[in-house]
N, C-alpha and C. Protein backbone atom coordinates (compact mmCIF):
# COMPACT_ATOMS: atom_id res chain seq x y z
N MET A 1 -3.58 -7.57 7.36
CA MET A 1 -4.79 -7.69 6.59
C MET A 1 -4.43 -7.79 5.12
N SER A 2 -5.04 -8.67 4.42
CA SER A 2 -4.81 -8.83 2.98
C SER A 2 -5.99 -8.20 2.24
N PHE A 3 -5.74 -7.67 1.05
CA PHE A 3 -6.79 -6.96 0.34
C PHE A 3 -7.25 -7.66 -0.93
N GLN A 4 -6.77 -8.89 -1.21
CA GLN A 4 -7.19 -9.55 -2.43
C GLN A 4 -8.70 -9.71 -2.49
N ASN A 5 -9.36 -10.03 -1.37
CA ASN A 5 -10.81 -10.17 -1.37
C ASN A 5 -11.50 -9.02 -0.65
N TYR A 6 -10.77 -7.95 -0.43
CA TYR A 6 -11.23 -6.72 0.21
C TYR A 6 -11.52 -6.86 1.69
N ALA A 7 -11.68 -8.08 2.21
CA ALA A 7 -11.82 -8.31 3.65
C ALA A 7 -12.93 -7.48 4.29
N LEU A 8 -14.02 -7.27 3.60
CA LEU A 8 -15.15 -6.52 4.15
C LEU A 8 -16.22 -7.49 4.63
N PHE A 9 -16.90 -7.11 5.71
CA PHE A 9 -18.03 -7.88 6.19
C PHE A 9 -19.23 -7.53 5.32
N PRO A 10 -19.81 -8.49 4.59
CA PRO A 10 -20.90 -8.17 3.66
C PRO A 10 -22.18 -7.71 4.34
N TRP A 11 -22.36 -8.06 5.60
CA TRP A 11 -23.58 -7.68 6.33
C TRP A 11 -23.46 -6.31 7.00
N MET A 12 -22.28 -5.67 6.86
CA MET A 12 -22.06 -4.36 7.47
C MET A 12 -21.98 -3.28 6.40
N THR A 13 -22.44 -2.10 6.75
CA THR A 13 -22.31 -0.95 5.85
C THR A 13 -20.85 -0.50 5.80
N VAL A 14 -20.57 0.42 4.90
CA VAL A 14 -19.23 1.01 4.82
C VAL A 14 -18.84 1.57 6.18
N LYS A 15 -19.75 2.34 6.78
CA LYS A 15 -19.50 2.94 8.09
C LYS A 15 -19.17 1.88 9.13
N ASP A 16 -19.98 0.84 9.21
CA ASP A 16 -19.77 -0.19 10.23
C ASP A 16 -18.48 -0.98 9.98
N ASN A 17 -18.16 -1.21 8.72
CA ASN A 17 -16.89 -1.89 8.40
C ASN A 17 -15.70 -1.08 8.88
N ILE A 18 -15.75 0.23 8.68
CA ILE A 18 -14.64 1.10 9.07
C ILE A 18 -14.57 1.25 10.59
N LEU A 19 -15.72 1.32 11.24
CA LEU A 19 -15.75 1.47 12.70
C LEU A 19 -15.35 0.19 13.43
N TYR A 20 -15.50 -0.95 12.79
CA TYR A 20 -15.29 -2.24 13.45
C TYR A 20 -13.94 -2.34 14.18
N PRO A 21 -12.80 -2.08 13.52
CA PRO A 21 -11.54 -2.23 14.26
C PRO A 21 -11.40 -1.24 15.41
N MET A 22 -12.01 -0.08 15.28
CA MET A 22 -11.93 0.90 16.36
C MET A 22 -12.76 0.44 17.56
N LYS A 23 -13.92 -0.16 17.29
CA LYS A 23 -14.75 -0.69 18.37
C LYS A 23 -14.03 -1.83 19.08
N MET A 24 -13.37 -2.69 18.30
CA MET A 24 -12.64 -3.81 18.89
C MET A 24 -11.48 -3.33 19.76
N SER A 25 -10.92 -2.18 19.41
CA SER A 25 -9.82 -1.59 20.18
C SER A 25 -10.32 -0.68 21.29
N LYS A 26 -11.64 -0.61 21.44
CA LYS A 26 -12.28 0.20 22.48
C LYS A 26 -11.91 1.69 22.40
N VAL A 27 -11.86 2.19 21.16
CA VAL A 27 -11.63 3.62 20.94
C VAL A 27 -12.91 4.34 21.35
N PRO A 28 -12.81 5.42 22.12
CA PRO A 28 -14.01 6.16 22.55
C PRO A 28 -14.86 6.62 21.34
N ALA A 29 -16.16 6.66 21.53
CA ALA A 29 -17.11 6.96 20.45
C ALA A 29 -16.80 8.28 19.75
N LYS A 30 -16.47 9.32 20.51
CA LYS A 30 -16.20 10.62 19.90
C LYS A 30 -14.97 10.54 18.98
N GLU A 31 -13.95 9.86 19.44
CA GLU A 31 -12.73 9.69 18.64
C GLU A 31 -13.01 8.83 17.40
N ARG A 32 -13.85 7.79 17.55
CA ARG A 32 -14.23 6.94 16.41
C ARG A 32 -14.92 7.76 15.34
N ASP A 33 -15.88 8.60 15.75
CA ASP A 33 -16.63 9.41 14.79
C ASP A 33 -15.70 10.38 14.05
N GLN A 34 -14.78 10.99 14.79
CA GLN A 34 -13.81 11.92 14.17
C GLN A 34 -12.94 11.18 13.17
N ARG A 35 -12.42 10.02 13.58
CA ARG A 35 -11.54 9.23 12.70
C ARG A 35 -12.33 8.74 11.48
N LEU A 36 -13.56 8.34 11.65
CA LEU A 36 -14.40 7.90 10.54
C LEU A 36 -14.53 9.01 9.50
N ARG A 37 -14.83 10.23 9.95
CA ARG A 37 -14.97 11.36 9.02
C ARG A 37 -13.67 11.61 8.26
N GLU A 38 -12.54 11.57 8.99
CA GLU A 38 -11.23 11.77 8.35
C GLU A 38 -10.97 10.72 7.27
N LEU A 39 -11.22 9.46 7.62
CA LEU A 39 -10.94 8.37 6.69
C LEU A 39 -11.87 8.40 5.47
N LEU A 40 -13.14 8.69 5.70
CA LEU A 40 -14.08 8.79 4.57
C LEU A 40 -13.65 9.91 3.63
N ALA A 41 -13.18 11.01 4.17
CA ALA A 41 -12.72 12.13 3.34
C ALA A 41 -11.48 11.73 2.54
N ILE A 42 -10.54 11.07 3.19
CA ILE A 42 -9.31 10.64 2.52
C ILE A 42 -9.64 9.76 1.32
N ALA A 43 -10.55 8.82 1.51
CA ALA A 43 -10.90 7.86 0.46
C ALA A 43 -12.02 8.35 -0.45
N GLN A 44 -12.47 9.57 -0.25
CA GLN A 44 -13.56 10.15 -1.03
C GLN A 44 -14.78 9.24 -1.04
N LEU A 45 -15.16 8.81 0.16
CA LEU A 45 -16.33 7.95 0.32
C LEU A 45 -17.44 8.62 1.13
N GLU A 46 -17.35 9.95 1.30
CA GLU A 46 -18.43 10.64 2.01
C GLU A 46 -19.73 10.42 1.26
N GLY A 47 -20.80 10.19 2.01
CA GLY A 47 -22.10 9.94 1.40
C GLY A 47 -22.32 8.48 1.05
N LYS A 48 -21.32 7.63 1.23
CA LYS A 48 -21.43 6.20 0.91
C LYS A 48 -21.50 5.35 2.18
N GLU A 49 -21.57 6.00 3.34
CA GLU A 49 -21.48 5.32 4.62
C GLU A 49 -22.55 4.25 4.82
N LYS A 50 -23.74 4.45 4.24
CA LYS A 50 -24.86 3.53 4.47
C LYS A 50 -24.94 2.41 3.43
N LEU A 51 -24.01 2.39 2.48
CA LEU A 51 -24.02 1.34 1.46
C LEU A 51 -23.35 0.07 1.98
N TYR A 52 -23.79 -1.06 1.44
CA TYR A 52 -23.21 -2.36 1.77
C TYR A 52 -22.20 -2.74 0.69
N PRO A 53 -21.26 -3.63 0.99
CA PRO A 53 -20.23 -3.98 0.00
C PRO A 53 -20.77 -4.38 -1.37
N HIS A 54 -21.89 -5.10 -1.42
CA HIS A 54 -22.42 -5.52 -2.72
C HIS A 54 -22.91 -4.33 -3.56
N GLN A 55 -23.08 -3.18 -2.94
CA GLN A 55 -23.54 -1.98 -3.65
C GLN A 55 -22.37 -1.11 -4.13
N LEU A 56 -21.14 -1.53 -3.85
CA LEU A 56 -19.95 -0.73 -4.18
C LEU A 56 -19.24 -1.27 -5.41
N SER A 57 -18.56 -0.38 -6.11
CA SER A 57 -17.68 -0.81 -7.20
C SER A 57 -16.44 -1.47 -6.58
N GLY A 58 -15.66 -2.13 -7.40
CA GLY A 58 -14.43 -2.76 -6.93
C GLY A 58 -13.49 -1.77 -6.28
N GLY A 59 -13.33 -0.61 -6.91
CA GLY A 59 -12.46 0.42 -6.35
C GLY A 59 -12.96 0.95 -5.02
N MET A 60 -14.27 1.12 -4.89
CA MET A 60 -14.84 1.60 -3.63
C MET A 60 -14.68 0.55 -2.53
N LYS A 61 -14.82 -0.73 -2.89
CA LYS A 61 -14.60 -1.80 -1.91
C LYS A 61 -13.15 -1.77 -1.44
N GLN A 62 -12.24 -1.60 -2.39
CA GLN A 62 -10.83 -1.59 -2.05
C GLN A 62 -10.48 -0.40 -1.16
N ARG A 63 -11.03 0.77 -1.46
CA ARG A 63 -10.78 1.94 -0.62
C ARG A 63 -11.35 1.75 0.77
N THR A 64 -12.53 1.13 0.86
CA THR A 64 -13.14 0.88 2.16
C THR A 64 -12.27 -0.07 2.98
N ALA A 65 -11.80 -1.14 2.35
CA ALA A 65 -10.93 -2.09 3.05
C ALA A 65 -9.64 -1.42 3.49
N PHE A 66 -9.10 -0.59 2.64
CA PHE A 66 -7.85 0.10 2.94
C PHE A 66 -8.01 1.02 4.15
N ILE A 67 -9.04 1.85 4.15
CA ILE A 67 -9.19 2.79 5.27
C ILE A 67 -9.66 2.07 6.53
N ARG A 68 -10.35 0.94 6.37
CA ARG A 68 -10.69 0.15 7.56
C ARG A 68 -9.42 -0.35 8.23
N ALA A 69 -8.46 -0.77 7.42
CA ALA A 69 -7.18 -1.24 7.99
C ALA A 69 -6.46 -0.09 8.70
N LEU A 70 -6.54 1.10 8.15
CA LEU A 70 -5.89 2.26 8.77
C LEU A 70 -6.62 2.70 10.03
N ALA A 71 -7.92 2.46 10.09
CA ALA A 71 -8.75 2.94 11.20
C ALA A 71 -8.26 2.45 12.55
N GLY A 72 -7.79 1.23 12.60
CA GLY A 72 -7.36 0.66 13.87
C GLY A 72 -5.95 1.03 14.28
N ARG A 73 -5.30 1.87 13.48
CA ARG A 73 -3.91 2.28 13.76
C ARG A 73 -3.05 1.06 14.10
N PRO A 74 -2.92 0.14 13.15
CA PRO A 74 -2.21 -1.11 13.43
C PRO A 74 -0.70 -0.92 13.59
N GLU A 75 -0.07 -1.84 14.29
CA GLU A 75 1.39 -1.83 14.42
C GLU A 75 2.04 -2.41 13.16
N VAL A 76 1.40 -3.45 12.59
CA VAL A 76 1.89 -4.08 11.36
C VAL A 76 0.71 -4.18 10.40
N LEU A 77 0.95 -3.81 9.17
CA LEU A 77 -0.09 -3.84 8.15
C LEU A 77 0.43 -4.69 6.99
N LEU A 78 -0.26 -5.79 6.69
CA LEU A 78 0.09 -6.67 5.57
C LEU A 78 -0.85 -6.36 4.42
N MET A 79 -0.27 -6.06 3.26
CA MET A 79 -1.11 -5.66 2.13
C MET A 79 -0.68 -6.39 0.86
N ASP A 80 -1.66 -6.92 0.15
CA ASP A 80 -1.42 -7.61 -1.11
C ASP A 80 -2.12 -6.82 -2.21
N GLU A 81 -1.35 -6.11 -3.03
CA GLU A 81 -1.89 -5.25 -4.08
C GLU A 81 -3.01 -4.36 -3.53
N PRO A 82 -2.72 -3.57 -2.50
CA PRO A 82 -3.78 -2.84 -1.81
C PRO A 82 -4.50 -1.79 -2.64
N LEU A 83 -3.86 -1.30 -3.67
CA LEU A 83 -4.47 -0.20 -4.42
C LEU A 83 -4.67 -0.57 -5.90
N GLY A 84 -4.68 -1.84 -6.19
CA GLY A 84 -4.76 -2.31 -7.57
C GLY A 84 -6.04 -1.94 -8.30
N ALA A 85 -7.15 -1.82 -7.62
CA ALA A 85 -8.42 -1.58 -8.29
C ALA A 85 -8.86 -0.12 -8.27
N VAL A 86 -7.97 0.78 -7.81
CA VAL A 86 -8.36 2.18 -7.78
C VAL A 86 -7.70 2.93 -8.92
N ASP A 87 -8.30 4.03 -9.33
CA ASP A 87 -7.75 4.80 -10.44
C ASP A 87 -6.47 5.51 -10.03
N PHE A 88 -5.75 6.02 -11.01
CA PHE A 88 -4.43 6.61 -10.81
C PHE A 88 -4.44 7.72 -9.76
N GLN A 89 -5.38 8.63 -9.87
CA GLN A 89 -5.44 9.77 -8.96
C GLN A 89 -5.70 9.32 -7.51
N MET A 90 -6.67 8.41 -7.33
CA MET A 90 -6.98 7.91 -5.99
C MET A 90 -5.81 7.09 -5.45
N ARG A 91 -5.15 6.36 -6.32
CA ARG A 91 -4.00 5.56 -5.91
C ARG A 91 -2.92 6.45 -5.29
N GLN A 92 -2.66 7.59 -5.94
CA GLN A 92 -1.63 8.49 -5.41
C GLN A 92 -2.08 9.12 -4.09
N ILE A 93 -3.34 9.46 -3.97
CA ILE A 93 -3.86 10.01 -2.71
C ILE A 93 -3.69 8.99 -1.58
N LEU A 94 -4.06 7.75 -1.84
CA LEU A 94 -3.97 6.72 -0.81
C LEU A 94 -2.52 6.36 -0.50
N GLN A 95 -1.64 6.43 -1.49
CA GLN A 95 -0.21 6.22 -1.23
C GLN A 95 0.31 7.30 -0.29
N GLU A 96 -0.11 8.53 -0.54
CA GLU A 96 0.32 9.64 0.33
C GLU A 96 -0.22 9.45 1.75
N GLU A 97 -1.46 8.96 1.88
CA GLU A 97 -2.03 8.71 3.20
C GLU A 97 -1.25 7.58 3.90
N LEU A 98 -0.90 6.56 3.16
CA LEU A 98 -0.14 5.47 3.75
C LEU A 98 1.23 5.96 4.21
N GLU A 99 1.88 6.80 3.40
CA GLU A 99 3.16 7.37 3.80
C GLU A 99 2.98 8.24 5.05
N SER A 100 1.93 9.03 5.08
CA SER A 100 1.64 9.88 6.23
C SER A 100 1.43 9.05 7.49
N LEU A 101 0.69 7.95 7.35
CA LEU A 101 0.48 7.03 8.47
C LEU A 101 1.82 6.52 8.97
N TRP A 102 2.69 6.15 8.05
CA TRP A 102 4.00 5.65 8.45
C TRP A 102 4.80 6.73 9.17
N LEU A 103 4.77 7.95 8.65
CA LEU A 103 5.53 9.03 9.27
C LEU A 103 5.02 9.34 10.68
N LYS A 104 3.70 9.25 10.88
CA LYS A 104 3.12 9.55 12.19
C LYS A 104 3.34 8.41 13.17
N ASN A 105 3.07 7.20 12.73
CA ASN A 105 3.01 6.07 13.66
C ASN A 105 4.13 5.06 13.52
N LYS A 106 4.95 5.21 12.49
CA LYS A 106 6.02 4.24 12.21
C LYS A 106 5.45 2.82 12.11
N THR A 107 4.27 2.70 11.54
CA THR A 107 3.64 1.41 11.33
C THR A 107 4.49 0.60 10.36
N THR A 108 4.74 -0.64 10.69
CA THR A 108 5.45 -1.53 9.78
C THR A 108 4.47 -2.02 8.73
N VAL A 109 4.84 -1.84 7.46
CA VAL A 109 3.97 -2.25 6.36
C VAL A 109 4.75 -3.23 5.49
N ILE A 110 4.15 -4.38 5.26
CA ILE A 110 4.71 -5.35 4.31
C ILE A 110 3.71 -5.44 3.19
N MET A 111 4.18 -5.11 1.98
CA MET A 111 3.27 -4.98 0.85
C MET A 111 3.78 -5.75 -0.36
N VAL A 112 2.87 -6.43 -1.02
CA VAL A 112 3.15 -7.04 -2.32
C VAL A 112 2.57 -6.10 -3.36
N THR A 113 3.41 -5.69 -4.31
CA THR A 113 2.92 -4.84 -5.40
C THR A 113 3.69 -5.14 -6.67
N HIS A 114 3.05 -4.92 -7.79
CA HIS A 114 3.70 -5.04 -9.09
C HIS A 114 3.91 -3.66 -9.70
N ASP A 115 3.60 -2.62 -8.94
CA ASP A 115 3.71 -1.25 -9.40
C ASP A 115 5.05 -0.67 -8.95
N VAL A 116 5.95 -0.42 -9.90
CA VAL A 116 7.30 0.05 -9.58
C VAL A 116 7.26 1.39 -8.86
N ASP A 117 6.47 2.33 -9.34
CA ASP A 117 6.39 3.63 -8.69
C ASP A 117 5.90 3.49 -7.25
N GLU A 118 4.89 2.67 -7.05
CA GLU A 118 4.35 2.45 -5.71
C GLU A 118 5.42 1.86 -4.79
N ALA A 119 6.19 0.92 -5.30
CA ALA A 119 7.26 0.30 -4.51
C ALA A 119 8.29 1.33 -4.07
N ILE A 120 8.70 2.19 -4.99
CA ILE A 120 9.71 3.21 -4.65
C ILE A 120 9.11 4.26 -3.72
N TYR A 121 7.88 4.68 -3.99
CA TYR A 121 7.26 5.73 -3.18
C TYR A 121 7.05 5.30 -1.73
N LEU A 122 6.60 4.07 -1.54
CA LEU A 122 6.21 3.65 -0.20
C LEU A 122 7.28 2.89 0.58
N SER A 123 8.30 2.41 -0.10
CA SER A 123 9.21 1.47 0.55
C SER A 123 10.53 2.06 0.97
N ASP A 124 11.08 1.48 2.02
CA ASP A 124 12.45 1.72 2.41
C ASP A 124 13.32 0.56 1.94
N ARG A 125 12.65 -0.52 1.58
CA ARG A 125 13.34 -1.71 1.13
C ARG A 125 12.42 -2.44 0.15
N VAL A 126 12.96 -2.79 -1.03
CA VAL A 126 12.20 -3.52 -2.05
C VAL A 126 12.89 -4.85 -2.28
N ILE A 127 12.15 -5.92 -2.13
CA ILE A 127 12.69 -7.24 -2.37
C ILE A 127 12.07 -7.76 -3.67
N VAL A 128 12.93 -8.05 -4.65
CA VAL A 128 12.49 -8.58 -5.94
C VAL A 128 12.62 -10.10 -5.86
N MET A 129 11.51 -10.78 -6.16
CA MET A 129 11.50 -12.24 -6.07
C MET A 129 11.30 -12.85 -7.45
N SER A 130 11.82 -14.06 -7.62
CA SER A 130 11.64 -14.77 -8.88
C SER A 130 10.19 -15.21 -9.01
N ALA A 131 9.76 -15.35 -10.24
CA ALA A 131 8.37 -15.73 -10.49
C ALA A 131 8.10 -17.19 -10.15
N LEU A 132 9.08 -18.04 -10.36
CA LEU A 132 8.83 -19.47 -10.21
C LEU A 132 8.99 -20.01 -8.80
N GLU A 133 10.10 -19.74 -8.16
CA GLU A 133 10.37 -20.39 -6.89
C GLU A 133 10.32 -19.43 -5.70
N GLY A 134 10.02 -18.17 -5.94
CA GLY A 134 10.00 -17.21 -4.86
C GLY A 134 11.38 -16.92 -4.30
N LYS A 135 12.41 -17.12 -5.11
CA LYS A 135 13.78 -16.86 -4.70
C LYS A 135 14.02 -15.35 -4.69
N ILE A 136 14.74 -14.87 -3.68
CA ILE A 136 15.07 -13.44 -3.62
C ILE A 136 16.17 -13.15 -4.63
N LEU A 137 15.85 -12.27 -5.58
CA LEU A 137 16.81 -11.90 -6.62
C LEU A 137 17.55 -10.62 -6.27
N GLU A 138 16.89 -9.75 -5.53
CA GLU A 138 17.51 -8.47 -5.17
C GLU A 138 16.85 -7.94 -3.91
N ASP A 139 17.64 -7.34 -3.06
CA ASP A 139 17.18 -6.68 -1.85
C ASP A 139 17.68 -5.24 -1.97
N MET A 140 16.81 -4.35 -2.43
CA MET A 140 17.19 -2.97 -2.77
C MET A 140 16.75 -2.01 -1.66
N GLN A 141 17.71 -1.31 -1.10
CA GLN A 141 17.41 -0.30 -0.09
C GLN A 141 17.03 1.00 -0.79
N ILE A 142 15.96 1.65 -0.32
CA ILE A 142 15.52 2.94 -0.86
C ILE A 142 15.86 3.99 0.19
N GLU A 143 16.88 4.76 -0.06
CA GLU A 143 17.34 5.73 0.93
C GLU A 143 17.03 7.15 0.47
N LEU A 144 15.75 7.42 0.31
CA LEU A 144 15.28 8.74 -0.11
C LEU A 144 14.58 9.41 1.07
N PRO A 145 14.71 10.73 1.17
CA PRO A 145 14.05 11.42 2.28
C PRO A 145 12.53 11.38 2.15
N ARG A 146 11.87 11.48 3.29
CA ARG A 146 10.40 11.54 3.33
C ARG A 146 9.98 12.91 3.81
N PRO A 147 8.85 13.39 3.35
CA PRO A 147 7.99 12.77 2.35
C PRO A 147 8.68 12.72 0.99
N ARG A 148 8.33 11.69 0.23
CA ARG A 148 8.97 11.44 -1.05
C ARG A 148 8.46 12.41 -2.11
N ASN A 149 9.37 12.78 -3.01
CA ASN A 149 9.05 13.66 -4.12
C ASN A 149 9.26 12.87 -5.41
N ARG A 150 8.18 12.54 -6.09
CA ARG A 150 8.24 11.71 -7.30
C ARG A 150 9.05 12.36 -8.43
N LYS A 151 9.25 13.67 -8.38
CA LYS A 151 9.98 14.36 -9.45
C LYS A 151 11.47 14.53 -9.13
N ASP A 152 11.86 14.17 -7.91
CA ASP A 152 13.25 14.29 -7.49
C ASP A 152 14.14 13.39 -8.36
N LYS A 153 15.32 13.88 -8.69
CA LYS A 153 16.24 13.16 -9.57
C LYS A 153 16.61 11.79 -8.97
N GLU A 154 16.84 11.72 -7.68
CA GLU A 154 17.21 10.46 -7.03
C GLU A 154 16.03 9.48 -7.01
N TYR A 155 14.82 10.01 -6.90
CA TYR A 155 13.63 9.18 -6.96
C TYR A 155 13.53 8.51 -8.33
N VAL A 156 13.70 9.31 -9.36
CA VAL A 156 13.64 8.80 -10.74
C VAL A 156 14.74 7.76 -10.96
N LYS A 157 15.93 8.02 -10.44
CA LYS A 157 17.03 7.06 -10.57
C LYS A 157 16.69 5.74 -9.89
N SER A 158 16.08 5.81 -8.73
CA SER A 158 15.69 4.60 -8.02
C SER A 158 14.67 3.79 -8.82
N LYS A 159 13.71 4.47 -9.42
CA LYS A 159 12.73 3.78 -10.27
C LYS A 159 13.41 3.11 -11.44
N GLU A 160 14.33 3.83 -12.08
CA GLU A 160 15.05 3.27 -13.23
C GLU A 160 15.88 2.06 -12.82
N ARG A 161 16.53 2.13 -11.66
CA ARG A 161 17.33 1.01 -11.19
C ARG A 161 16.45 -0.21 -10.94
N LEU A 162 15.29 -0.01 -10.31
CA LEU A 162 14.38 -1.12 -10.06
C LEU A 162 13.87 -1.70 -11.38
N MET A 163 13.55 -0.84 -12.33
CA MET A 163 13.11 -1.33 -13.65
C MET A 163 14.20 -2.18 -14.30
N ASP A 164 15.45 -1.74 -14.20
CA ASP A 164 16.57 -2.51 -14.76
C ASP A 164 16.67 -3.88 -14.10
N ILE A 165 16.54 -3.91 -12.79
CA ILE A 165 16.60 -5.18 -12.06
C ILE A 165 15.48 -6.10 -12.53
N LEU A 166 14.28 -5.55 -12.68
CA LEU A 166 13.14 -6.37 -13.11
C LEU A 166 13.32 -6.88 -14.54
N LYS A 167 13.87 -6.06 -15.42
CA LYS A 167 14.11 -6.50 -16.80
C LYS A 167 15.09 -7.67 -16.84
N ILE A 168 16.15 -7.57 -16.06
CA ILE A 168 17.13 -8.66 -16.01
C ILE A 168 16.47 -9.91 -15.44
N ALA A 169 15.70 -9.74 -14.38
CA ALA A 169 15.05 -10.88 -13.74
C ALA A 169 14.07 -11.58 -14.68
N ILE A 170 13.36 -10.82 -15.47
CA ILE A 170 12.40 -11.39 -16.41
C ILE A 170 13.12 -12.18 -17.50
N ASN A 171 14.21 -11.65 -17.99
CA ASN A 171 14.92 -12.29 -19.08
C ASN A 171 15.59 -13.60 -18.70
N LYS A 172 16.13 -13.67 -17.49
CA LYS A 172 16.94 -14.84 -17.19
C LYS A 172 16.74 -15.43 -15.81
N GLN A 173 16.12 -14.75 -14.90
CA GLN A 173 16.01 -15.17 -13.51
C GLN A 173 17.41 -15.40 -12.91
N PRO A 174 18.35 -14.43 -13.05
CA PRO A 174 19.69 -14.61 -12.52
C PRO A 174 19.72 -14.47 -11.01
N ASP A 175 20.86 -14.81 -10.43
CA ASP A 175 20.99 -14.61 -8.99
C ASP A 175 21.34 -13.16 -8.70
N SER A 176 21.29 -12.78 -7.45
CA SER A 176 21.51 -11.39 -7.05
C SER A 176 22.88 -10.88 -7.46
N ALA A 177 23.91 -11.71 -7.34
CA ALA A 177 25.27 -11.29 -7.71
C ALA A 177 25.33 -10.94 -9.19
N GLU A 178 24.65 -11.71 -10.02
CA GLU A 178 24.64 -11.42 -11.46
C GLU A 178 23.92 -10.10 -11.75
N ILE A 179 22.84 -9.85 -11.05
CA ILE A 179 22.12 -8.59 -11.22
C ILE A 179 23.06 -7.43 -10.87
N GLU A 180 23.77 -7.54 -9.76
CA GLU A 180 24.69 -6.46 -9.36
C GLU A 180 25.79 -6.27 -10.39
N ARG A 181 26.35 -7.34 -10.92
CA ARG A 181 27.40 -7.21 -11.94
C ARG A 181 26.84 -6.49 -13.17
N LYS A 182 25.66 -6.89 -13.62
CA LYS A 182 25.10 -6.30 -14.83
C LYS A 182 24.72 -4.83 -14.64
N LEU A 183 24.37 -4.48 -13.45
CA LEU A 183 23.99 -3.08 -13.19
C LEU A 183 25.18 -2.26 -12.70
N CYS A 184 26.31 -2.90 -12.54
CA CYS A 184 27.51 -2.22 -12.04
C CYS A 184 27.25 -1.53 -10.70
N LEU A 185 26.64 -2.29 -9.78
CA LEU A 185 26.26 -1.72 -8.49
C LEU A 185 27.17 -2.17 -7.37
N ALA A 186 28.27 -2.84 -7.66
CA ALA A 186 29.14 -3.43 -6.66
C ALA A 186 29.38 -2.60 -5.48
């Protein structure tokens, strides 16, 4: 599921949008209701269940689309800037929920993000691509224990390394070998 357009059905309420994938998967009604309450609480959307997408802010639409994707307990989740329109605090809450989902279900997530912290927090592998041709400039493995601790020294080092890679890529669009030489990562 891609989140650029929020992927919400405009004729359905928040509740119906979230329940939709569970109904399609034939999840029993009692389990659907329980999961709906959990997801609404995670996204802080309690009391918004009867609203339609046109009545929501951009951030609320994005949170609804995000938890709708989680509702169906997918095997693979494709996300394009999934948390771009939410505030910092909600972004971290939803990142933690996504990590929790991964820890529980080992769901494969492929995500496009421009947020360095988000990439390090959520990823086991970060692929840096060139802006022009989509060439892979770096394939960085993130070998940090989960759940991730943003204050951990190795976490901070990983963020700094990714920032260095991005700075080099912006300046010259070098190949991966050149990035490794410049960062002394051989």
